[in-house]
Protein backbone atom coordinates (compact mmCIF):
# COMPACT_ATOMS: atom_id res chain seq x y z
CA MET A 1 42.13 25.46 3.47
CA ALA A 2 38.76 25.18 4.49
CA SER A 3 37.60 21.59 6.81
CA SER A 4 35.11 19.64 4.46
CA GLY A 5 32.57 18.74 7.25
CA THR A 6 33.54 15.49 6.95
CA PRO A 7 36.36 13.47 9.52
CA GLN A 8 39.72 12.49 8.06
CA GLY A 9 40.20 9.41 7.14
CA GLN A 10 36.38 8.44 6.61
CA THR A 11 34.49 9.49 3.19
CA GLU A 12 30.62 10.90 3.05
CA ALA A 13 27.57 9.19 2.78
CA LYS A 14 26.57 9.19 -0.53
CA PRO A 15 22.64 8.95 -1.72
CA SER A 16 21.88 6.77 -5.48
CA ARG A 17 20.28 8.72 -7.94
CA ALA A 18 17.77 8.19 -6.71
CA GLY A 19 18.66 10.08 -3.91
CA ARG A 20 18.67 7.73 -1.79
CA ASP A 21 20.34 6.34 1.26
CA LEU A 22 21.04 2.81 -1.12
CA PRO A 23 22.48 0.85 1.82
CA ALA A 24 20.02 2.24 4.37
CA ALA A 25 17.03 0.78 1.37
CA ILE A 26 18.58 -1.80 0.72
CA VAL A 27 18.40 -2.53 4.69
CA VAL A 28 15.76 -1.81 5.18
CA GLY A 29 13.75 -3.50 2.58
CA LEU A 30 15.33 -6.60 3.38
CA LEU A 31 13.96 -6.66 6.88
CA LEU A 32 10.60 -5.47 5.81
CA ALA A 33 11.05 -8.26 3.13
CA ALA A 34 12.06 -11.56 5.24
CA ALA A 35 9.36 -9.69 7.62
CA VAL A 36 6.31 -10.25 5.92
CA VAL A 37 8.31 -13.78 4.43
CA LEU A 38 8.45 -14.83 7.92
CA SER A 39 4.91 -14.18 8.49
CA LEU A 40 3.49 -15.50 5.91
CA LEU A 41 4.49 -18.80 5.71
CA TYR A 42 4.72 -19.50 10.26
CA TRP A 43 2.01 -16.85 11.60
CA HIS A 44 -0.76 -14.81 9.67
CA TRP A 45 -1.54 -12.75 12.59
CA GLY A 46 1.90 -11.13 12.38
CA PHE A 47 1.52 -10.86 8.70
CA VAL A 48 -1.43 -9.38 10.29
CA LEU A 49 0.11 -7.34 13.01
CA LEU A 50 2.53 -5.87 10.67
CA VAL A 51 -0.21 -4.26 8.19
CA THR A 52 -1.33 -3.33 10.24
CA GLY A 53 1.22 -1.29 11.70
CA MET A 54 1.87 -0.07 8.32
CA LEU A 55 -1.36 1.09 7.79
CA THR A 56 -1.40 2.94 10.58
CA LEU A 57 2.14 5.20 10.51
CA GLY A 58 0.16 5.89 6.70
CA THR A 59 -2.60 7.22 8.55
CA ILE A 60 -0.26 8.60 10.81
CA GLU A 61 1.48 10.34 7.63
CA LEU A 62 -1.73 11.14 5.80
CA HIS A 63 -2.72 13.43 9.23
CA ASP A 64 0.73 15.81 8.66
CA ALA A 65 0.54 15.93 5.57
CA LEU A 66 -2.76 17.22 5.04
CA LEU A 67 -2.25 19.17 8.23
CA LYS A 68 0.03 21.43 5.69
CA VAL A 69 -3.53 22.33 3.79
CA GLY A 70 -5.58 23.31 7.02
CA MET A 71 -6.92 20.15 7.30
CA ARG A 72 -6.87 18.07 10.79
CA SER A 73 -8.35 14.32 10.09
CA ALA A 74 -9.35 12.94 13.72
CA ILE A 75 -6.57 10.28 13.94
CA THR A 76 -7.40 8.43 16.80
CA PRO A 77 -10.98 7.26 16.01
CA ILE A 78 -8.82 6.94 12.57
CA VAL A 79 -5.88 4.66 13.97
CA ILE A 80 -8.61 3.31 16.78
CA GLY A 81 -10.73 2.05 12.99
CA THR A 82 -7.58 0.18 11.07
CA ILE A 83 -6.49 -1.63 13.99
CA GLY A 84 -10.47 -2.40 14.63
CA MET A 85 -10.31 -2.75 10.53
CA MET A 86 -7.73 -5.02 10.19
CA ALA A 87 -8.29 -8.08 12.85
CA GLY A 88 -12.30 -7.94 12.94
CA SER A 89 -11.72 -8.71 9.05
CA TYR A 90 -9.77 -11.00 9.27
CA LEU A 91 -11.13 -12.31 12.24
CA ALA A 92 -14.69 -13.15 11.02
CA ALA A 93 -13.25 -14.46 7.30
CA THR A 94 -11.62 -16.57 9.62
CA THR A 95 -14.40 -17.92 11.90
CA GLN A 96 -17.47 -17.78 9.08
CA GLY A 97 -18.28 -14.38 10.96
CA PHE A 98 -19.06 -13.62 14.34
CA HIS A 99 -21.84 -15.69 15.46
CA ASN A 100 -23.27 -16.11 12.05
CA VAL A 101 -22.52 -12.53 11.10
CA PRO A 102 -21.23 -12.87 8.01
CA TRP A 103 -17.44 -10.84 7.52
CA HIS A 104 -18.69 -8.24 4.75
CA ILE A 105 -20.91 -7.64 7.53
CA VAL A 106 -18.89 -6.69 10.53
CA LEU A 107 -16.57 -4.99 8.59
CA LEU A 108 -19.18 -2.51 6.97
CA GLY A 109 -20.00 -2.15 10.71
CA LEU A 110 -16.03 -1.50 11.75
CA LEU A 111 -16.23 0.91 8.64
CA GLY A 112 -19.36 2.64 10.37
CA GLY A 113 -18.23 2.87 14.00
CA THR A 114 -15.15 4.26 12.86
CA ILE A 115 -16.86 6.46 10.10
CA LEU A 116 -19.38 8.65 12.62
CA LEU A 117 -16.92 8.16 15.97
CA ALA A 118 -14.63 10.72 13.46
CA LEU A 119 -17.47 12.91 13.20
CA VAL A 120 -18.31 13.06 16.88
CA TRP A 121 -15.06 13.53 17.68
CA ARG A 122 -14.32 16.30 15.24
CA MET A 123 -18.15 17.93 16.41
CA PHE A 124 -16.12 19.00 19.40
CA GLY A 125 -13.70 21.66 17.65
CA GLY A 126 -16.75 23.63 16.64
CA ALA A 127 -17.72 24.91 13.31
CA ASP A 128 -15.10 26.40 12.35
CA GLY A 129 -13.49 24.05 9.85
CA TYR A 130 -15.56 21.36 10.47
CA VAL A 131 -16.55 20.36 6.80
CA LYS A 132 -13.56 19.90 5.50
CA ASP A 133 -11.81 18.16 8.91
CA ALA A 134 -15.08 15.38 7.51
CA ALA A 135 -13.54 15.20 4.73
CA ALA A 136 -10.13 15.04 5.72
CA SER A 137 -11.49 11.97 7.71
CA LEU A 138 -13.30 10.22 5.36
CA PHE A 139 -10.70 10.87 2.67
CA THR A 140 -8.51 8.87 5.22
CA ILE A 141 -10.17 6.51 5.88
CA GLY A 142 -11.75 5.53 2.64
CA TYR A 143 -8.12 5.73 1.28
CA ILE A 144 -5.89 3.17 3.80
CA PRO A 145 -7.88 1.49 6.69
CA VAL A 146 -10.66 0.81 3.96
CA LEU A 147 -9.00 -0.37 1.19
CA GLY A 148 -5.90 -2.03 3.50
CA SER A 149 -9.27 -4.55 4.79
CA PHE A 150 -9.01 -6.18 1.57
CA VAL A 151 -5.34 -8.03 3.21
CA SER A 152 -7.12 -9.32 5.77
CA LEU A 153 -9.98 -10.38 3.01
CA LEU A 154 -7.48 -12.12 1.05
CA LEU A 155 -5.58 -13.49 4.11
CA ALA A 156 -8.26 -15.25 5.49
CA SER A 157 -9.28 -16.28 1.56
CA PRO A 158 -8.13 -20.22 0.65
CA GLN A 159 -4.22 -20.34 0.59
CA GLY A 160 -4.73 -16.79 1.72
CA ALA A 161 -1.43 -16.62 1.82
CA THR A 162 -0.14 -17.88 -1.67
CA LYS A 163 -2.76 -15.34 -2.68
CA VAL A 164 -1.38 -12.06 -1.13
CA ALA A 165 2.77 -12.96 -1.91
CA ILE A 166 1.31 -13.53 -5.50
CA ILE A 167 -0.40 -10.04 -5.56
CA LEU A 168 3.15 -8.34 -3.75
CA LEU A 169 5.60 -10.61 -6.42
CA CYS A 170 3.19 -8.91 -8.82
CA VAL A 171 3.78 -5.60 -7.29
CA MET A 172 7.34 -6.49 -7.09
CA GLY A 173 7.63 -7.53 -11.02
CA ASN A 174 5.90 -4.08 -12.15
CA ASP A 175 7.91 -1.70 -10.30
CA THR A 176 10.62 -3.89 -10.78
CA GLY A 177 10.13 -3.98 -15.00
CA GLY A 178 8.84 -0.34 -14.54
CA TYR A 179 12.46 0.91 -13.33
CA ALA A 180 14.46 -1.46 -15.47
CA VAL A 181 12.18 -0.41 -19.41
CA GLY A 182 11.93 2.71 -18.04
CA ALA A 183 15.64 4.59 -16.95
CA ARG A 184 17.55 2.55 -19.94
CA TRP A 185 14.98 2.79 -22.64
CA GLY A 186 11.97 5.37 -21.41
CA ARG A 187 10.90 8.45 -23.78
CA HIS A 188 7.60 9.36 -23.74
CA PRO A 189 5.73 9.88 -20.67
CA MET A 190 3.12 8.53 -18.93
CA ALA A 191 1.67 11.57 -16.41
CA PRO A 192 4.14 14.34 -17.41
CA LEU A 193 1.44 16.73 -15.03
CA ILE A 194 1.90 13.86 -12.37
CA SER A 195 4.65 12.02 -11.97
CA PRO A 196 6.84 12.86 -14.95
CA LYS A 197 9.29 9.53 -15.13
CA LYS A 198 6.70 7.49 -15.84
CA THR A 199 6.25 6.65 -19.11
CA TRP A 200 5.06 4.27 -21.70
CA GLU A 201 8.21 2.03 -22.63
CA GLY A 202 8.46 1.54 -18.41
CA MET A 203 4.33 1.10 -18.59
CA ALA A 204 5.47 -1.89 -21.79
CA GLY A 205 8.19 -3.98 -18.96
CA SER A 206 6.04 -3.73 -15.80
CA ILE A 207 3.10 -5.31 -17.74
CA ALA A 208 5.60 -7.43 -18.84
CA LEU A 209 7.65 -8.13 -16.30
CA ALA A 210 4.05 -8.61 -14.44
CA THR A 211 2.75 -10.75 -16.64
CA LEU A 212 5.73 -13.54 -16.43
CA VAL A 213 5.37 -13.55 -12.55
CA GLY A 214 1.08 -13.86 -12.58
CA VAL A 215 1.55 -16.36 -15.14
CA LEU A 216 3.86 -18.72 -13.54
CA LEU A 217 3.07 -17.99 -9.67
CA THR A 218 -0.65 -18.91 -10.41
CA VAL A 219 -0.30 -21.77 -12.69
CA PHE A 220 2.65 -23.82 -10.74
CA TRP A 221 1.20 -22.12 -6.80
CA LEU A 222 -3.02 -22.08 -7.35
CA GLY A 223 -3.28 -24.13 -10.13
CA GLN A 224 -5.65 -22.51 -11.78
CA PRO A 225 -4.77 -21.55 -15.85
CA TRP A 226 -2.22 -19.49 -17.24
CA TRP A 227 -5.00 -16.67 -18.95
CA VAL A 228 -6.53 -16.47 -14.73
CA GLY A 229 -2.60 -15.66 -14.02
CA LEU A 230 -2.88 -12.82 -17.36
CA VAL A 231 -5.98 -11.47 -15.91
CA LEU A 232 -4.22 -10.91 -12.74
CA ALA A 233 -0.97 -9.72 -13.52
CA LEU A 234 -2.64 -6.78 -16.18
CA SER A 235 -5.74 -6.13 -13.38
CA ILE A 236 -2.81 -5.00 -10.81
CA VAL A 237 -0.82 -3.45 -13.09
CA LEU A 238 -3.22 -1.43 -14.01
CA ALA A 239 -3.80 -0.64 -10.26
CA ALA A 240 -0.37 -0.52 -8.96
CA THR A 241 0.20 1.96 -11.31
CA CYS A 242 -2.75 4.29 -10.21
CA GLY A 243 -1.71 3.84 -6.31
CA ASP A 244 1.41 5.28 -7.29
CA LEU A 245 0.21 7.63 -9.28
CA ILE A 246 -2.74 8.79 -6.49
CA GLU A 247 -0.28 8.90 -3.92
CA SER A 248 2.02 11.42 -5.93
CA LEU A 249 -1.27 12.96 -6.39
CA ILE A 250 -1.91 13.94 -2.71
CA LYS A 251 2.24 14.76 -2.67
CA ARG A 252 2.02 17.19 -5.81
CA ASP A 253 -0.59 18.59 -4.20
CA ILE A 254 0.37 18.64 -0.94
CA GLY A 255 3.74 20.08 -2.00
CA ILE A 256 6.37 17.14 -0.51
CA LYS A 257 8.68 14.81 -1.77
CA ASP A 258 7.86 12.44 0.76
CA MET A 259 5.14 11.49 2.84
CA SER A 260 7.79 10.95 5.56
CA SER A 261 11.17 9.70 6.62
CA ILE A 262 10.22 6.50 8.82
CA LEU A 263 11.98 4.13 6.74
CA PRO A 264 15.39 5.03 5.86
CA GLY A 265 16.32 4.99 2.05
CA HIS A 266 12.35 4.70 1.43
CA GLY A 267 10.74 7.47 2.91
CA GLY A 268 7.80 6.97 4.07
CA ALA A 269 5.07 4.10 5.16
CA MET A 270 2.91 5.16 2.16
CA ASP A 271 5.25 5.67 0.14
CA ARG A 272 6.01 2.01 -0.37
CA LEU A 273 1.79 1.05 0.51
CA ASP A 274 0.82 3.57 -1.91
CA SER A 275 0.78 0.61 -4.89
CA ILE A 276 -0.01 -2.19 -3.04
CA LEU A 277 -3.10 -0.39 -1.04
CA VAL A 278 -5.43 -0.16 -4.33
CA ALA A 279 -3.75 -3.33 -5.45
CA SER A 280 -5.36 -5.42 -2.79
CA PRO A 281 -8.41 -4.92 -3.36
CA ILE A 282 -8.43 -5.71 -7.14
CA GLY A 283 -6.76 -8.81 -6.96
CA TRP A 284 -8.94 -10.06 -4.57
CA LEU A 285 -11.95 -9.29 -7.01
CA VAL A 286 -9.95 -11.52 -9.72
CA PHE A 287 -9.38 -13.96 -6.84
CA TYR A 288 -13.23 -14.12 -6.09
CA LEU A 289 -14.75 -14.14 -9.22
CA LEU A 290 -12.02 -16.00 -11.56
CA VAL A 291 -10.98 -18.66 -8.74
CA PRO A 292 -13.64 -21.56 -7.30
CA GLY A 293 -13.54 -21.16 -4.06
CA ALA A 294 -11.32 -17.68 -3.30
């Protein structure tokens, strides 16, 4: 009898129906959740460092992915800029600016410096492919560290840890509601050319659960009117869905399933950040406009 390749007495680990290693996904998910909760509760700089690390991994993953289509970003300046924008925006916002320079000027300066360094860095590679490589750098900078810096700005605002937690939980509600309803009742594809598994029924589930989470937490954690939570939740659902579709488009264009395999059972860092990256600036804007003193 032919050997199955699995030692006698042992069973081969099987992926879930979603194609993931479910036990590994659960362990990694719990570890990430614990790190987020503990850092938000006890050490905000720890949360900034955690997010910065994830964003840095994301820039490296996107760099490696773009290489497959002949685009080479200036990854070293981008990594430096990512760390600078995350730490600098948080520090500037919490200390009311460096030497009376407001946080938005600090962030703008760090953004401009990162772009300039990336463009100069690539100059030494010659003219061949310069525009394509520069486009890869600017795309990566705008997509990851710029959007990610809003997490730092949120955390540095009044009741910042609570606001960040609400946005993260709304994103989780969006994902969970969409999956639960879509898997059971999904019949009508929402974006078949981008993500065939996304359905309008799943979107309804996302709206329902995210709205419940957003309204309850905004009322009881922030003491704000219910309608603020409603606006926040609906905005987060739209933003998170767009974030998921944006990454799906990138992966489809490049021809990959996951950005990497660095997070067992989850794929890459970008596969965890896609919704949050787009939801964070939208959440920041809602709080800034609707919550006094935000």
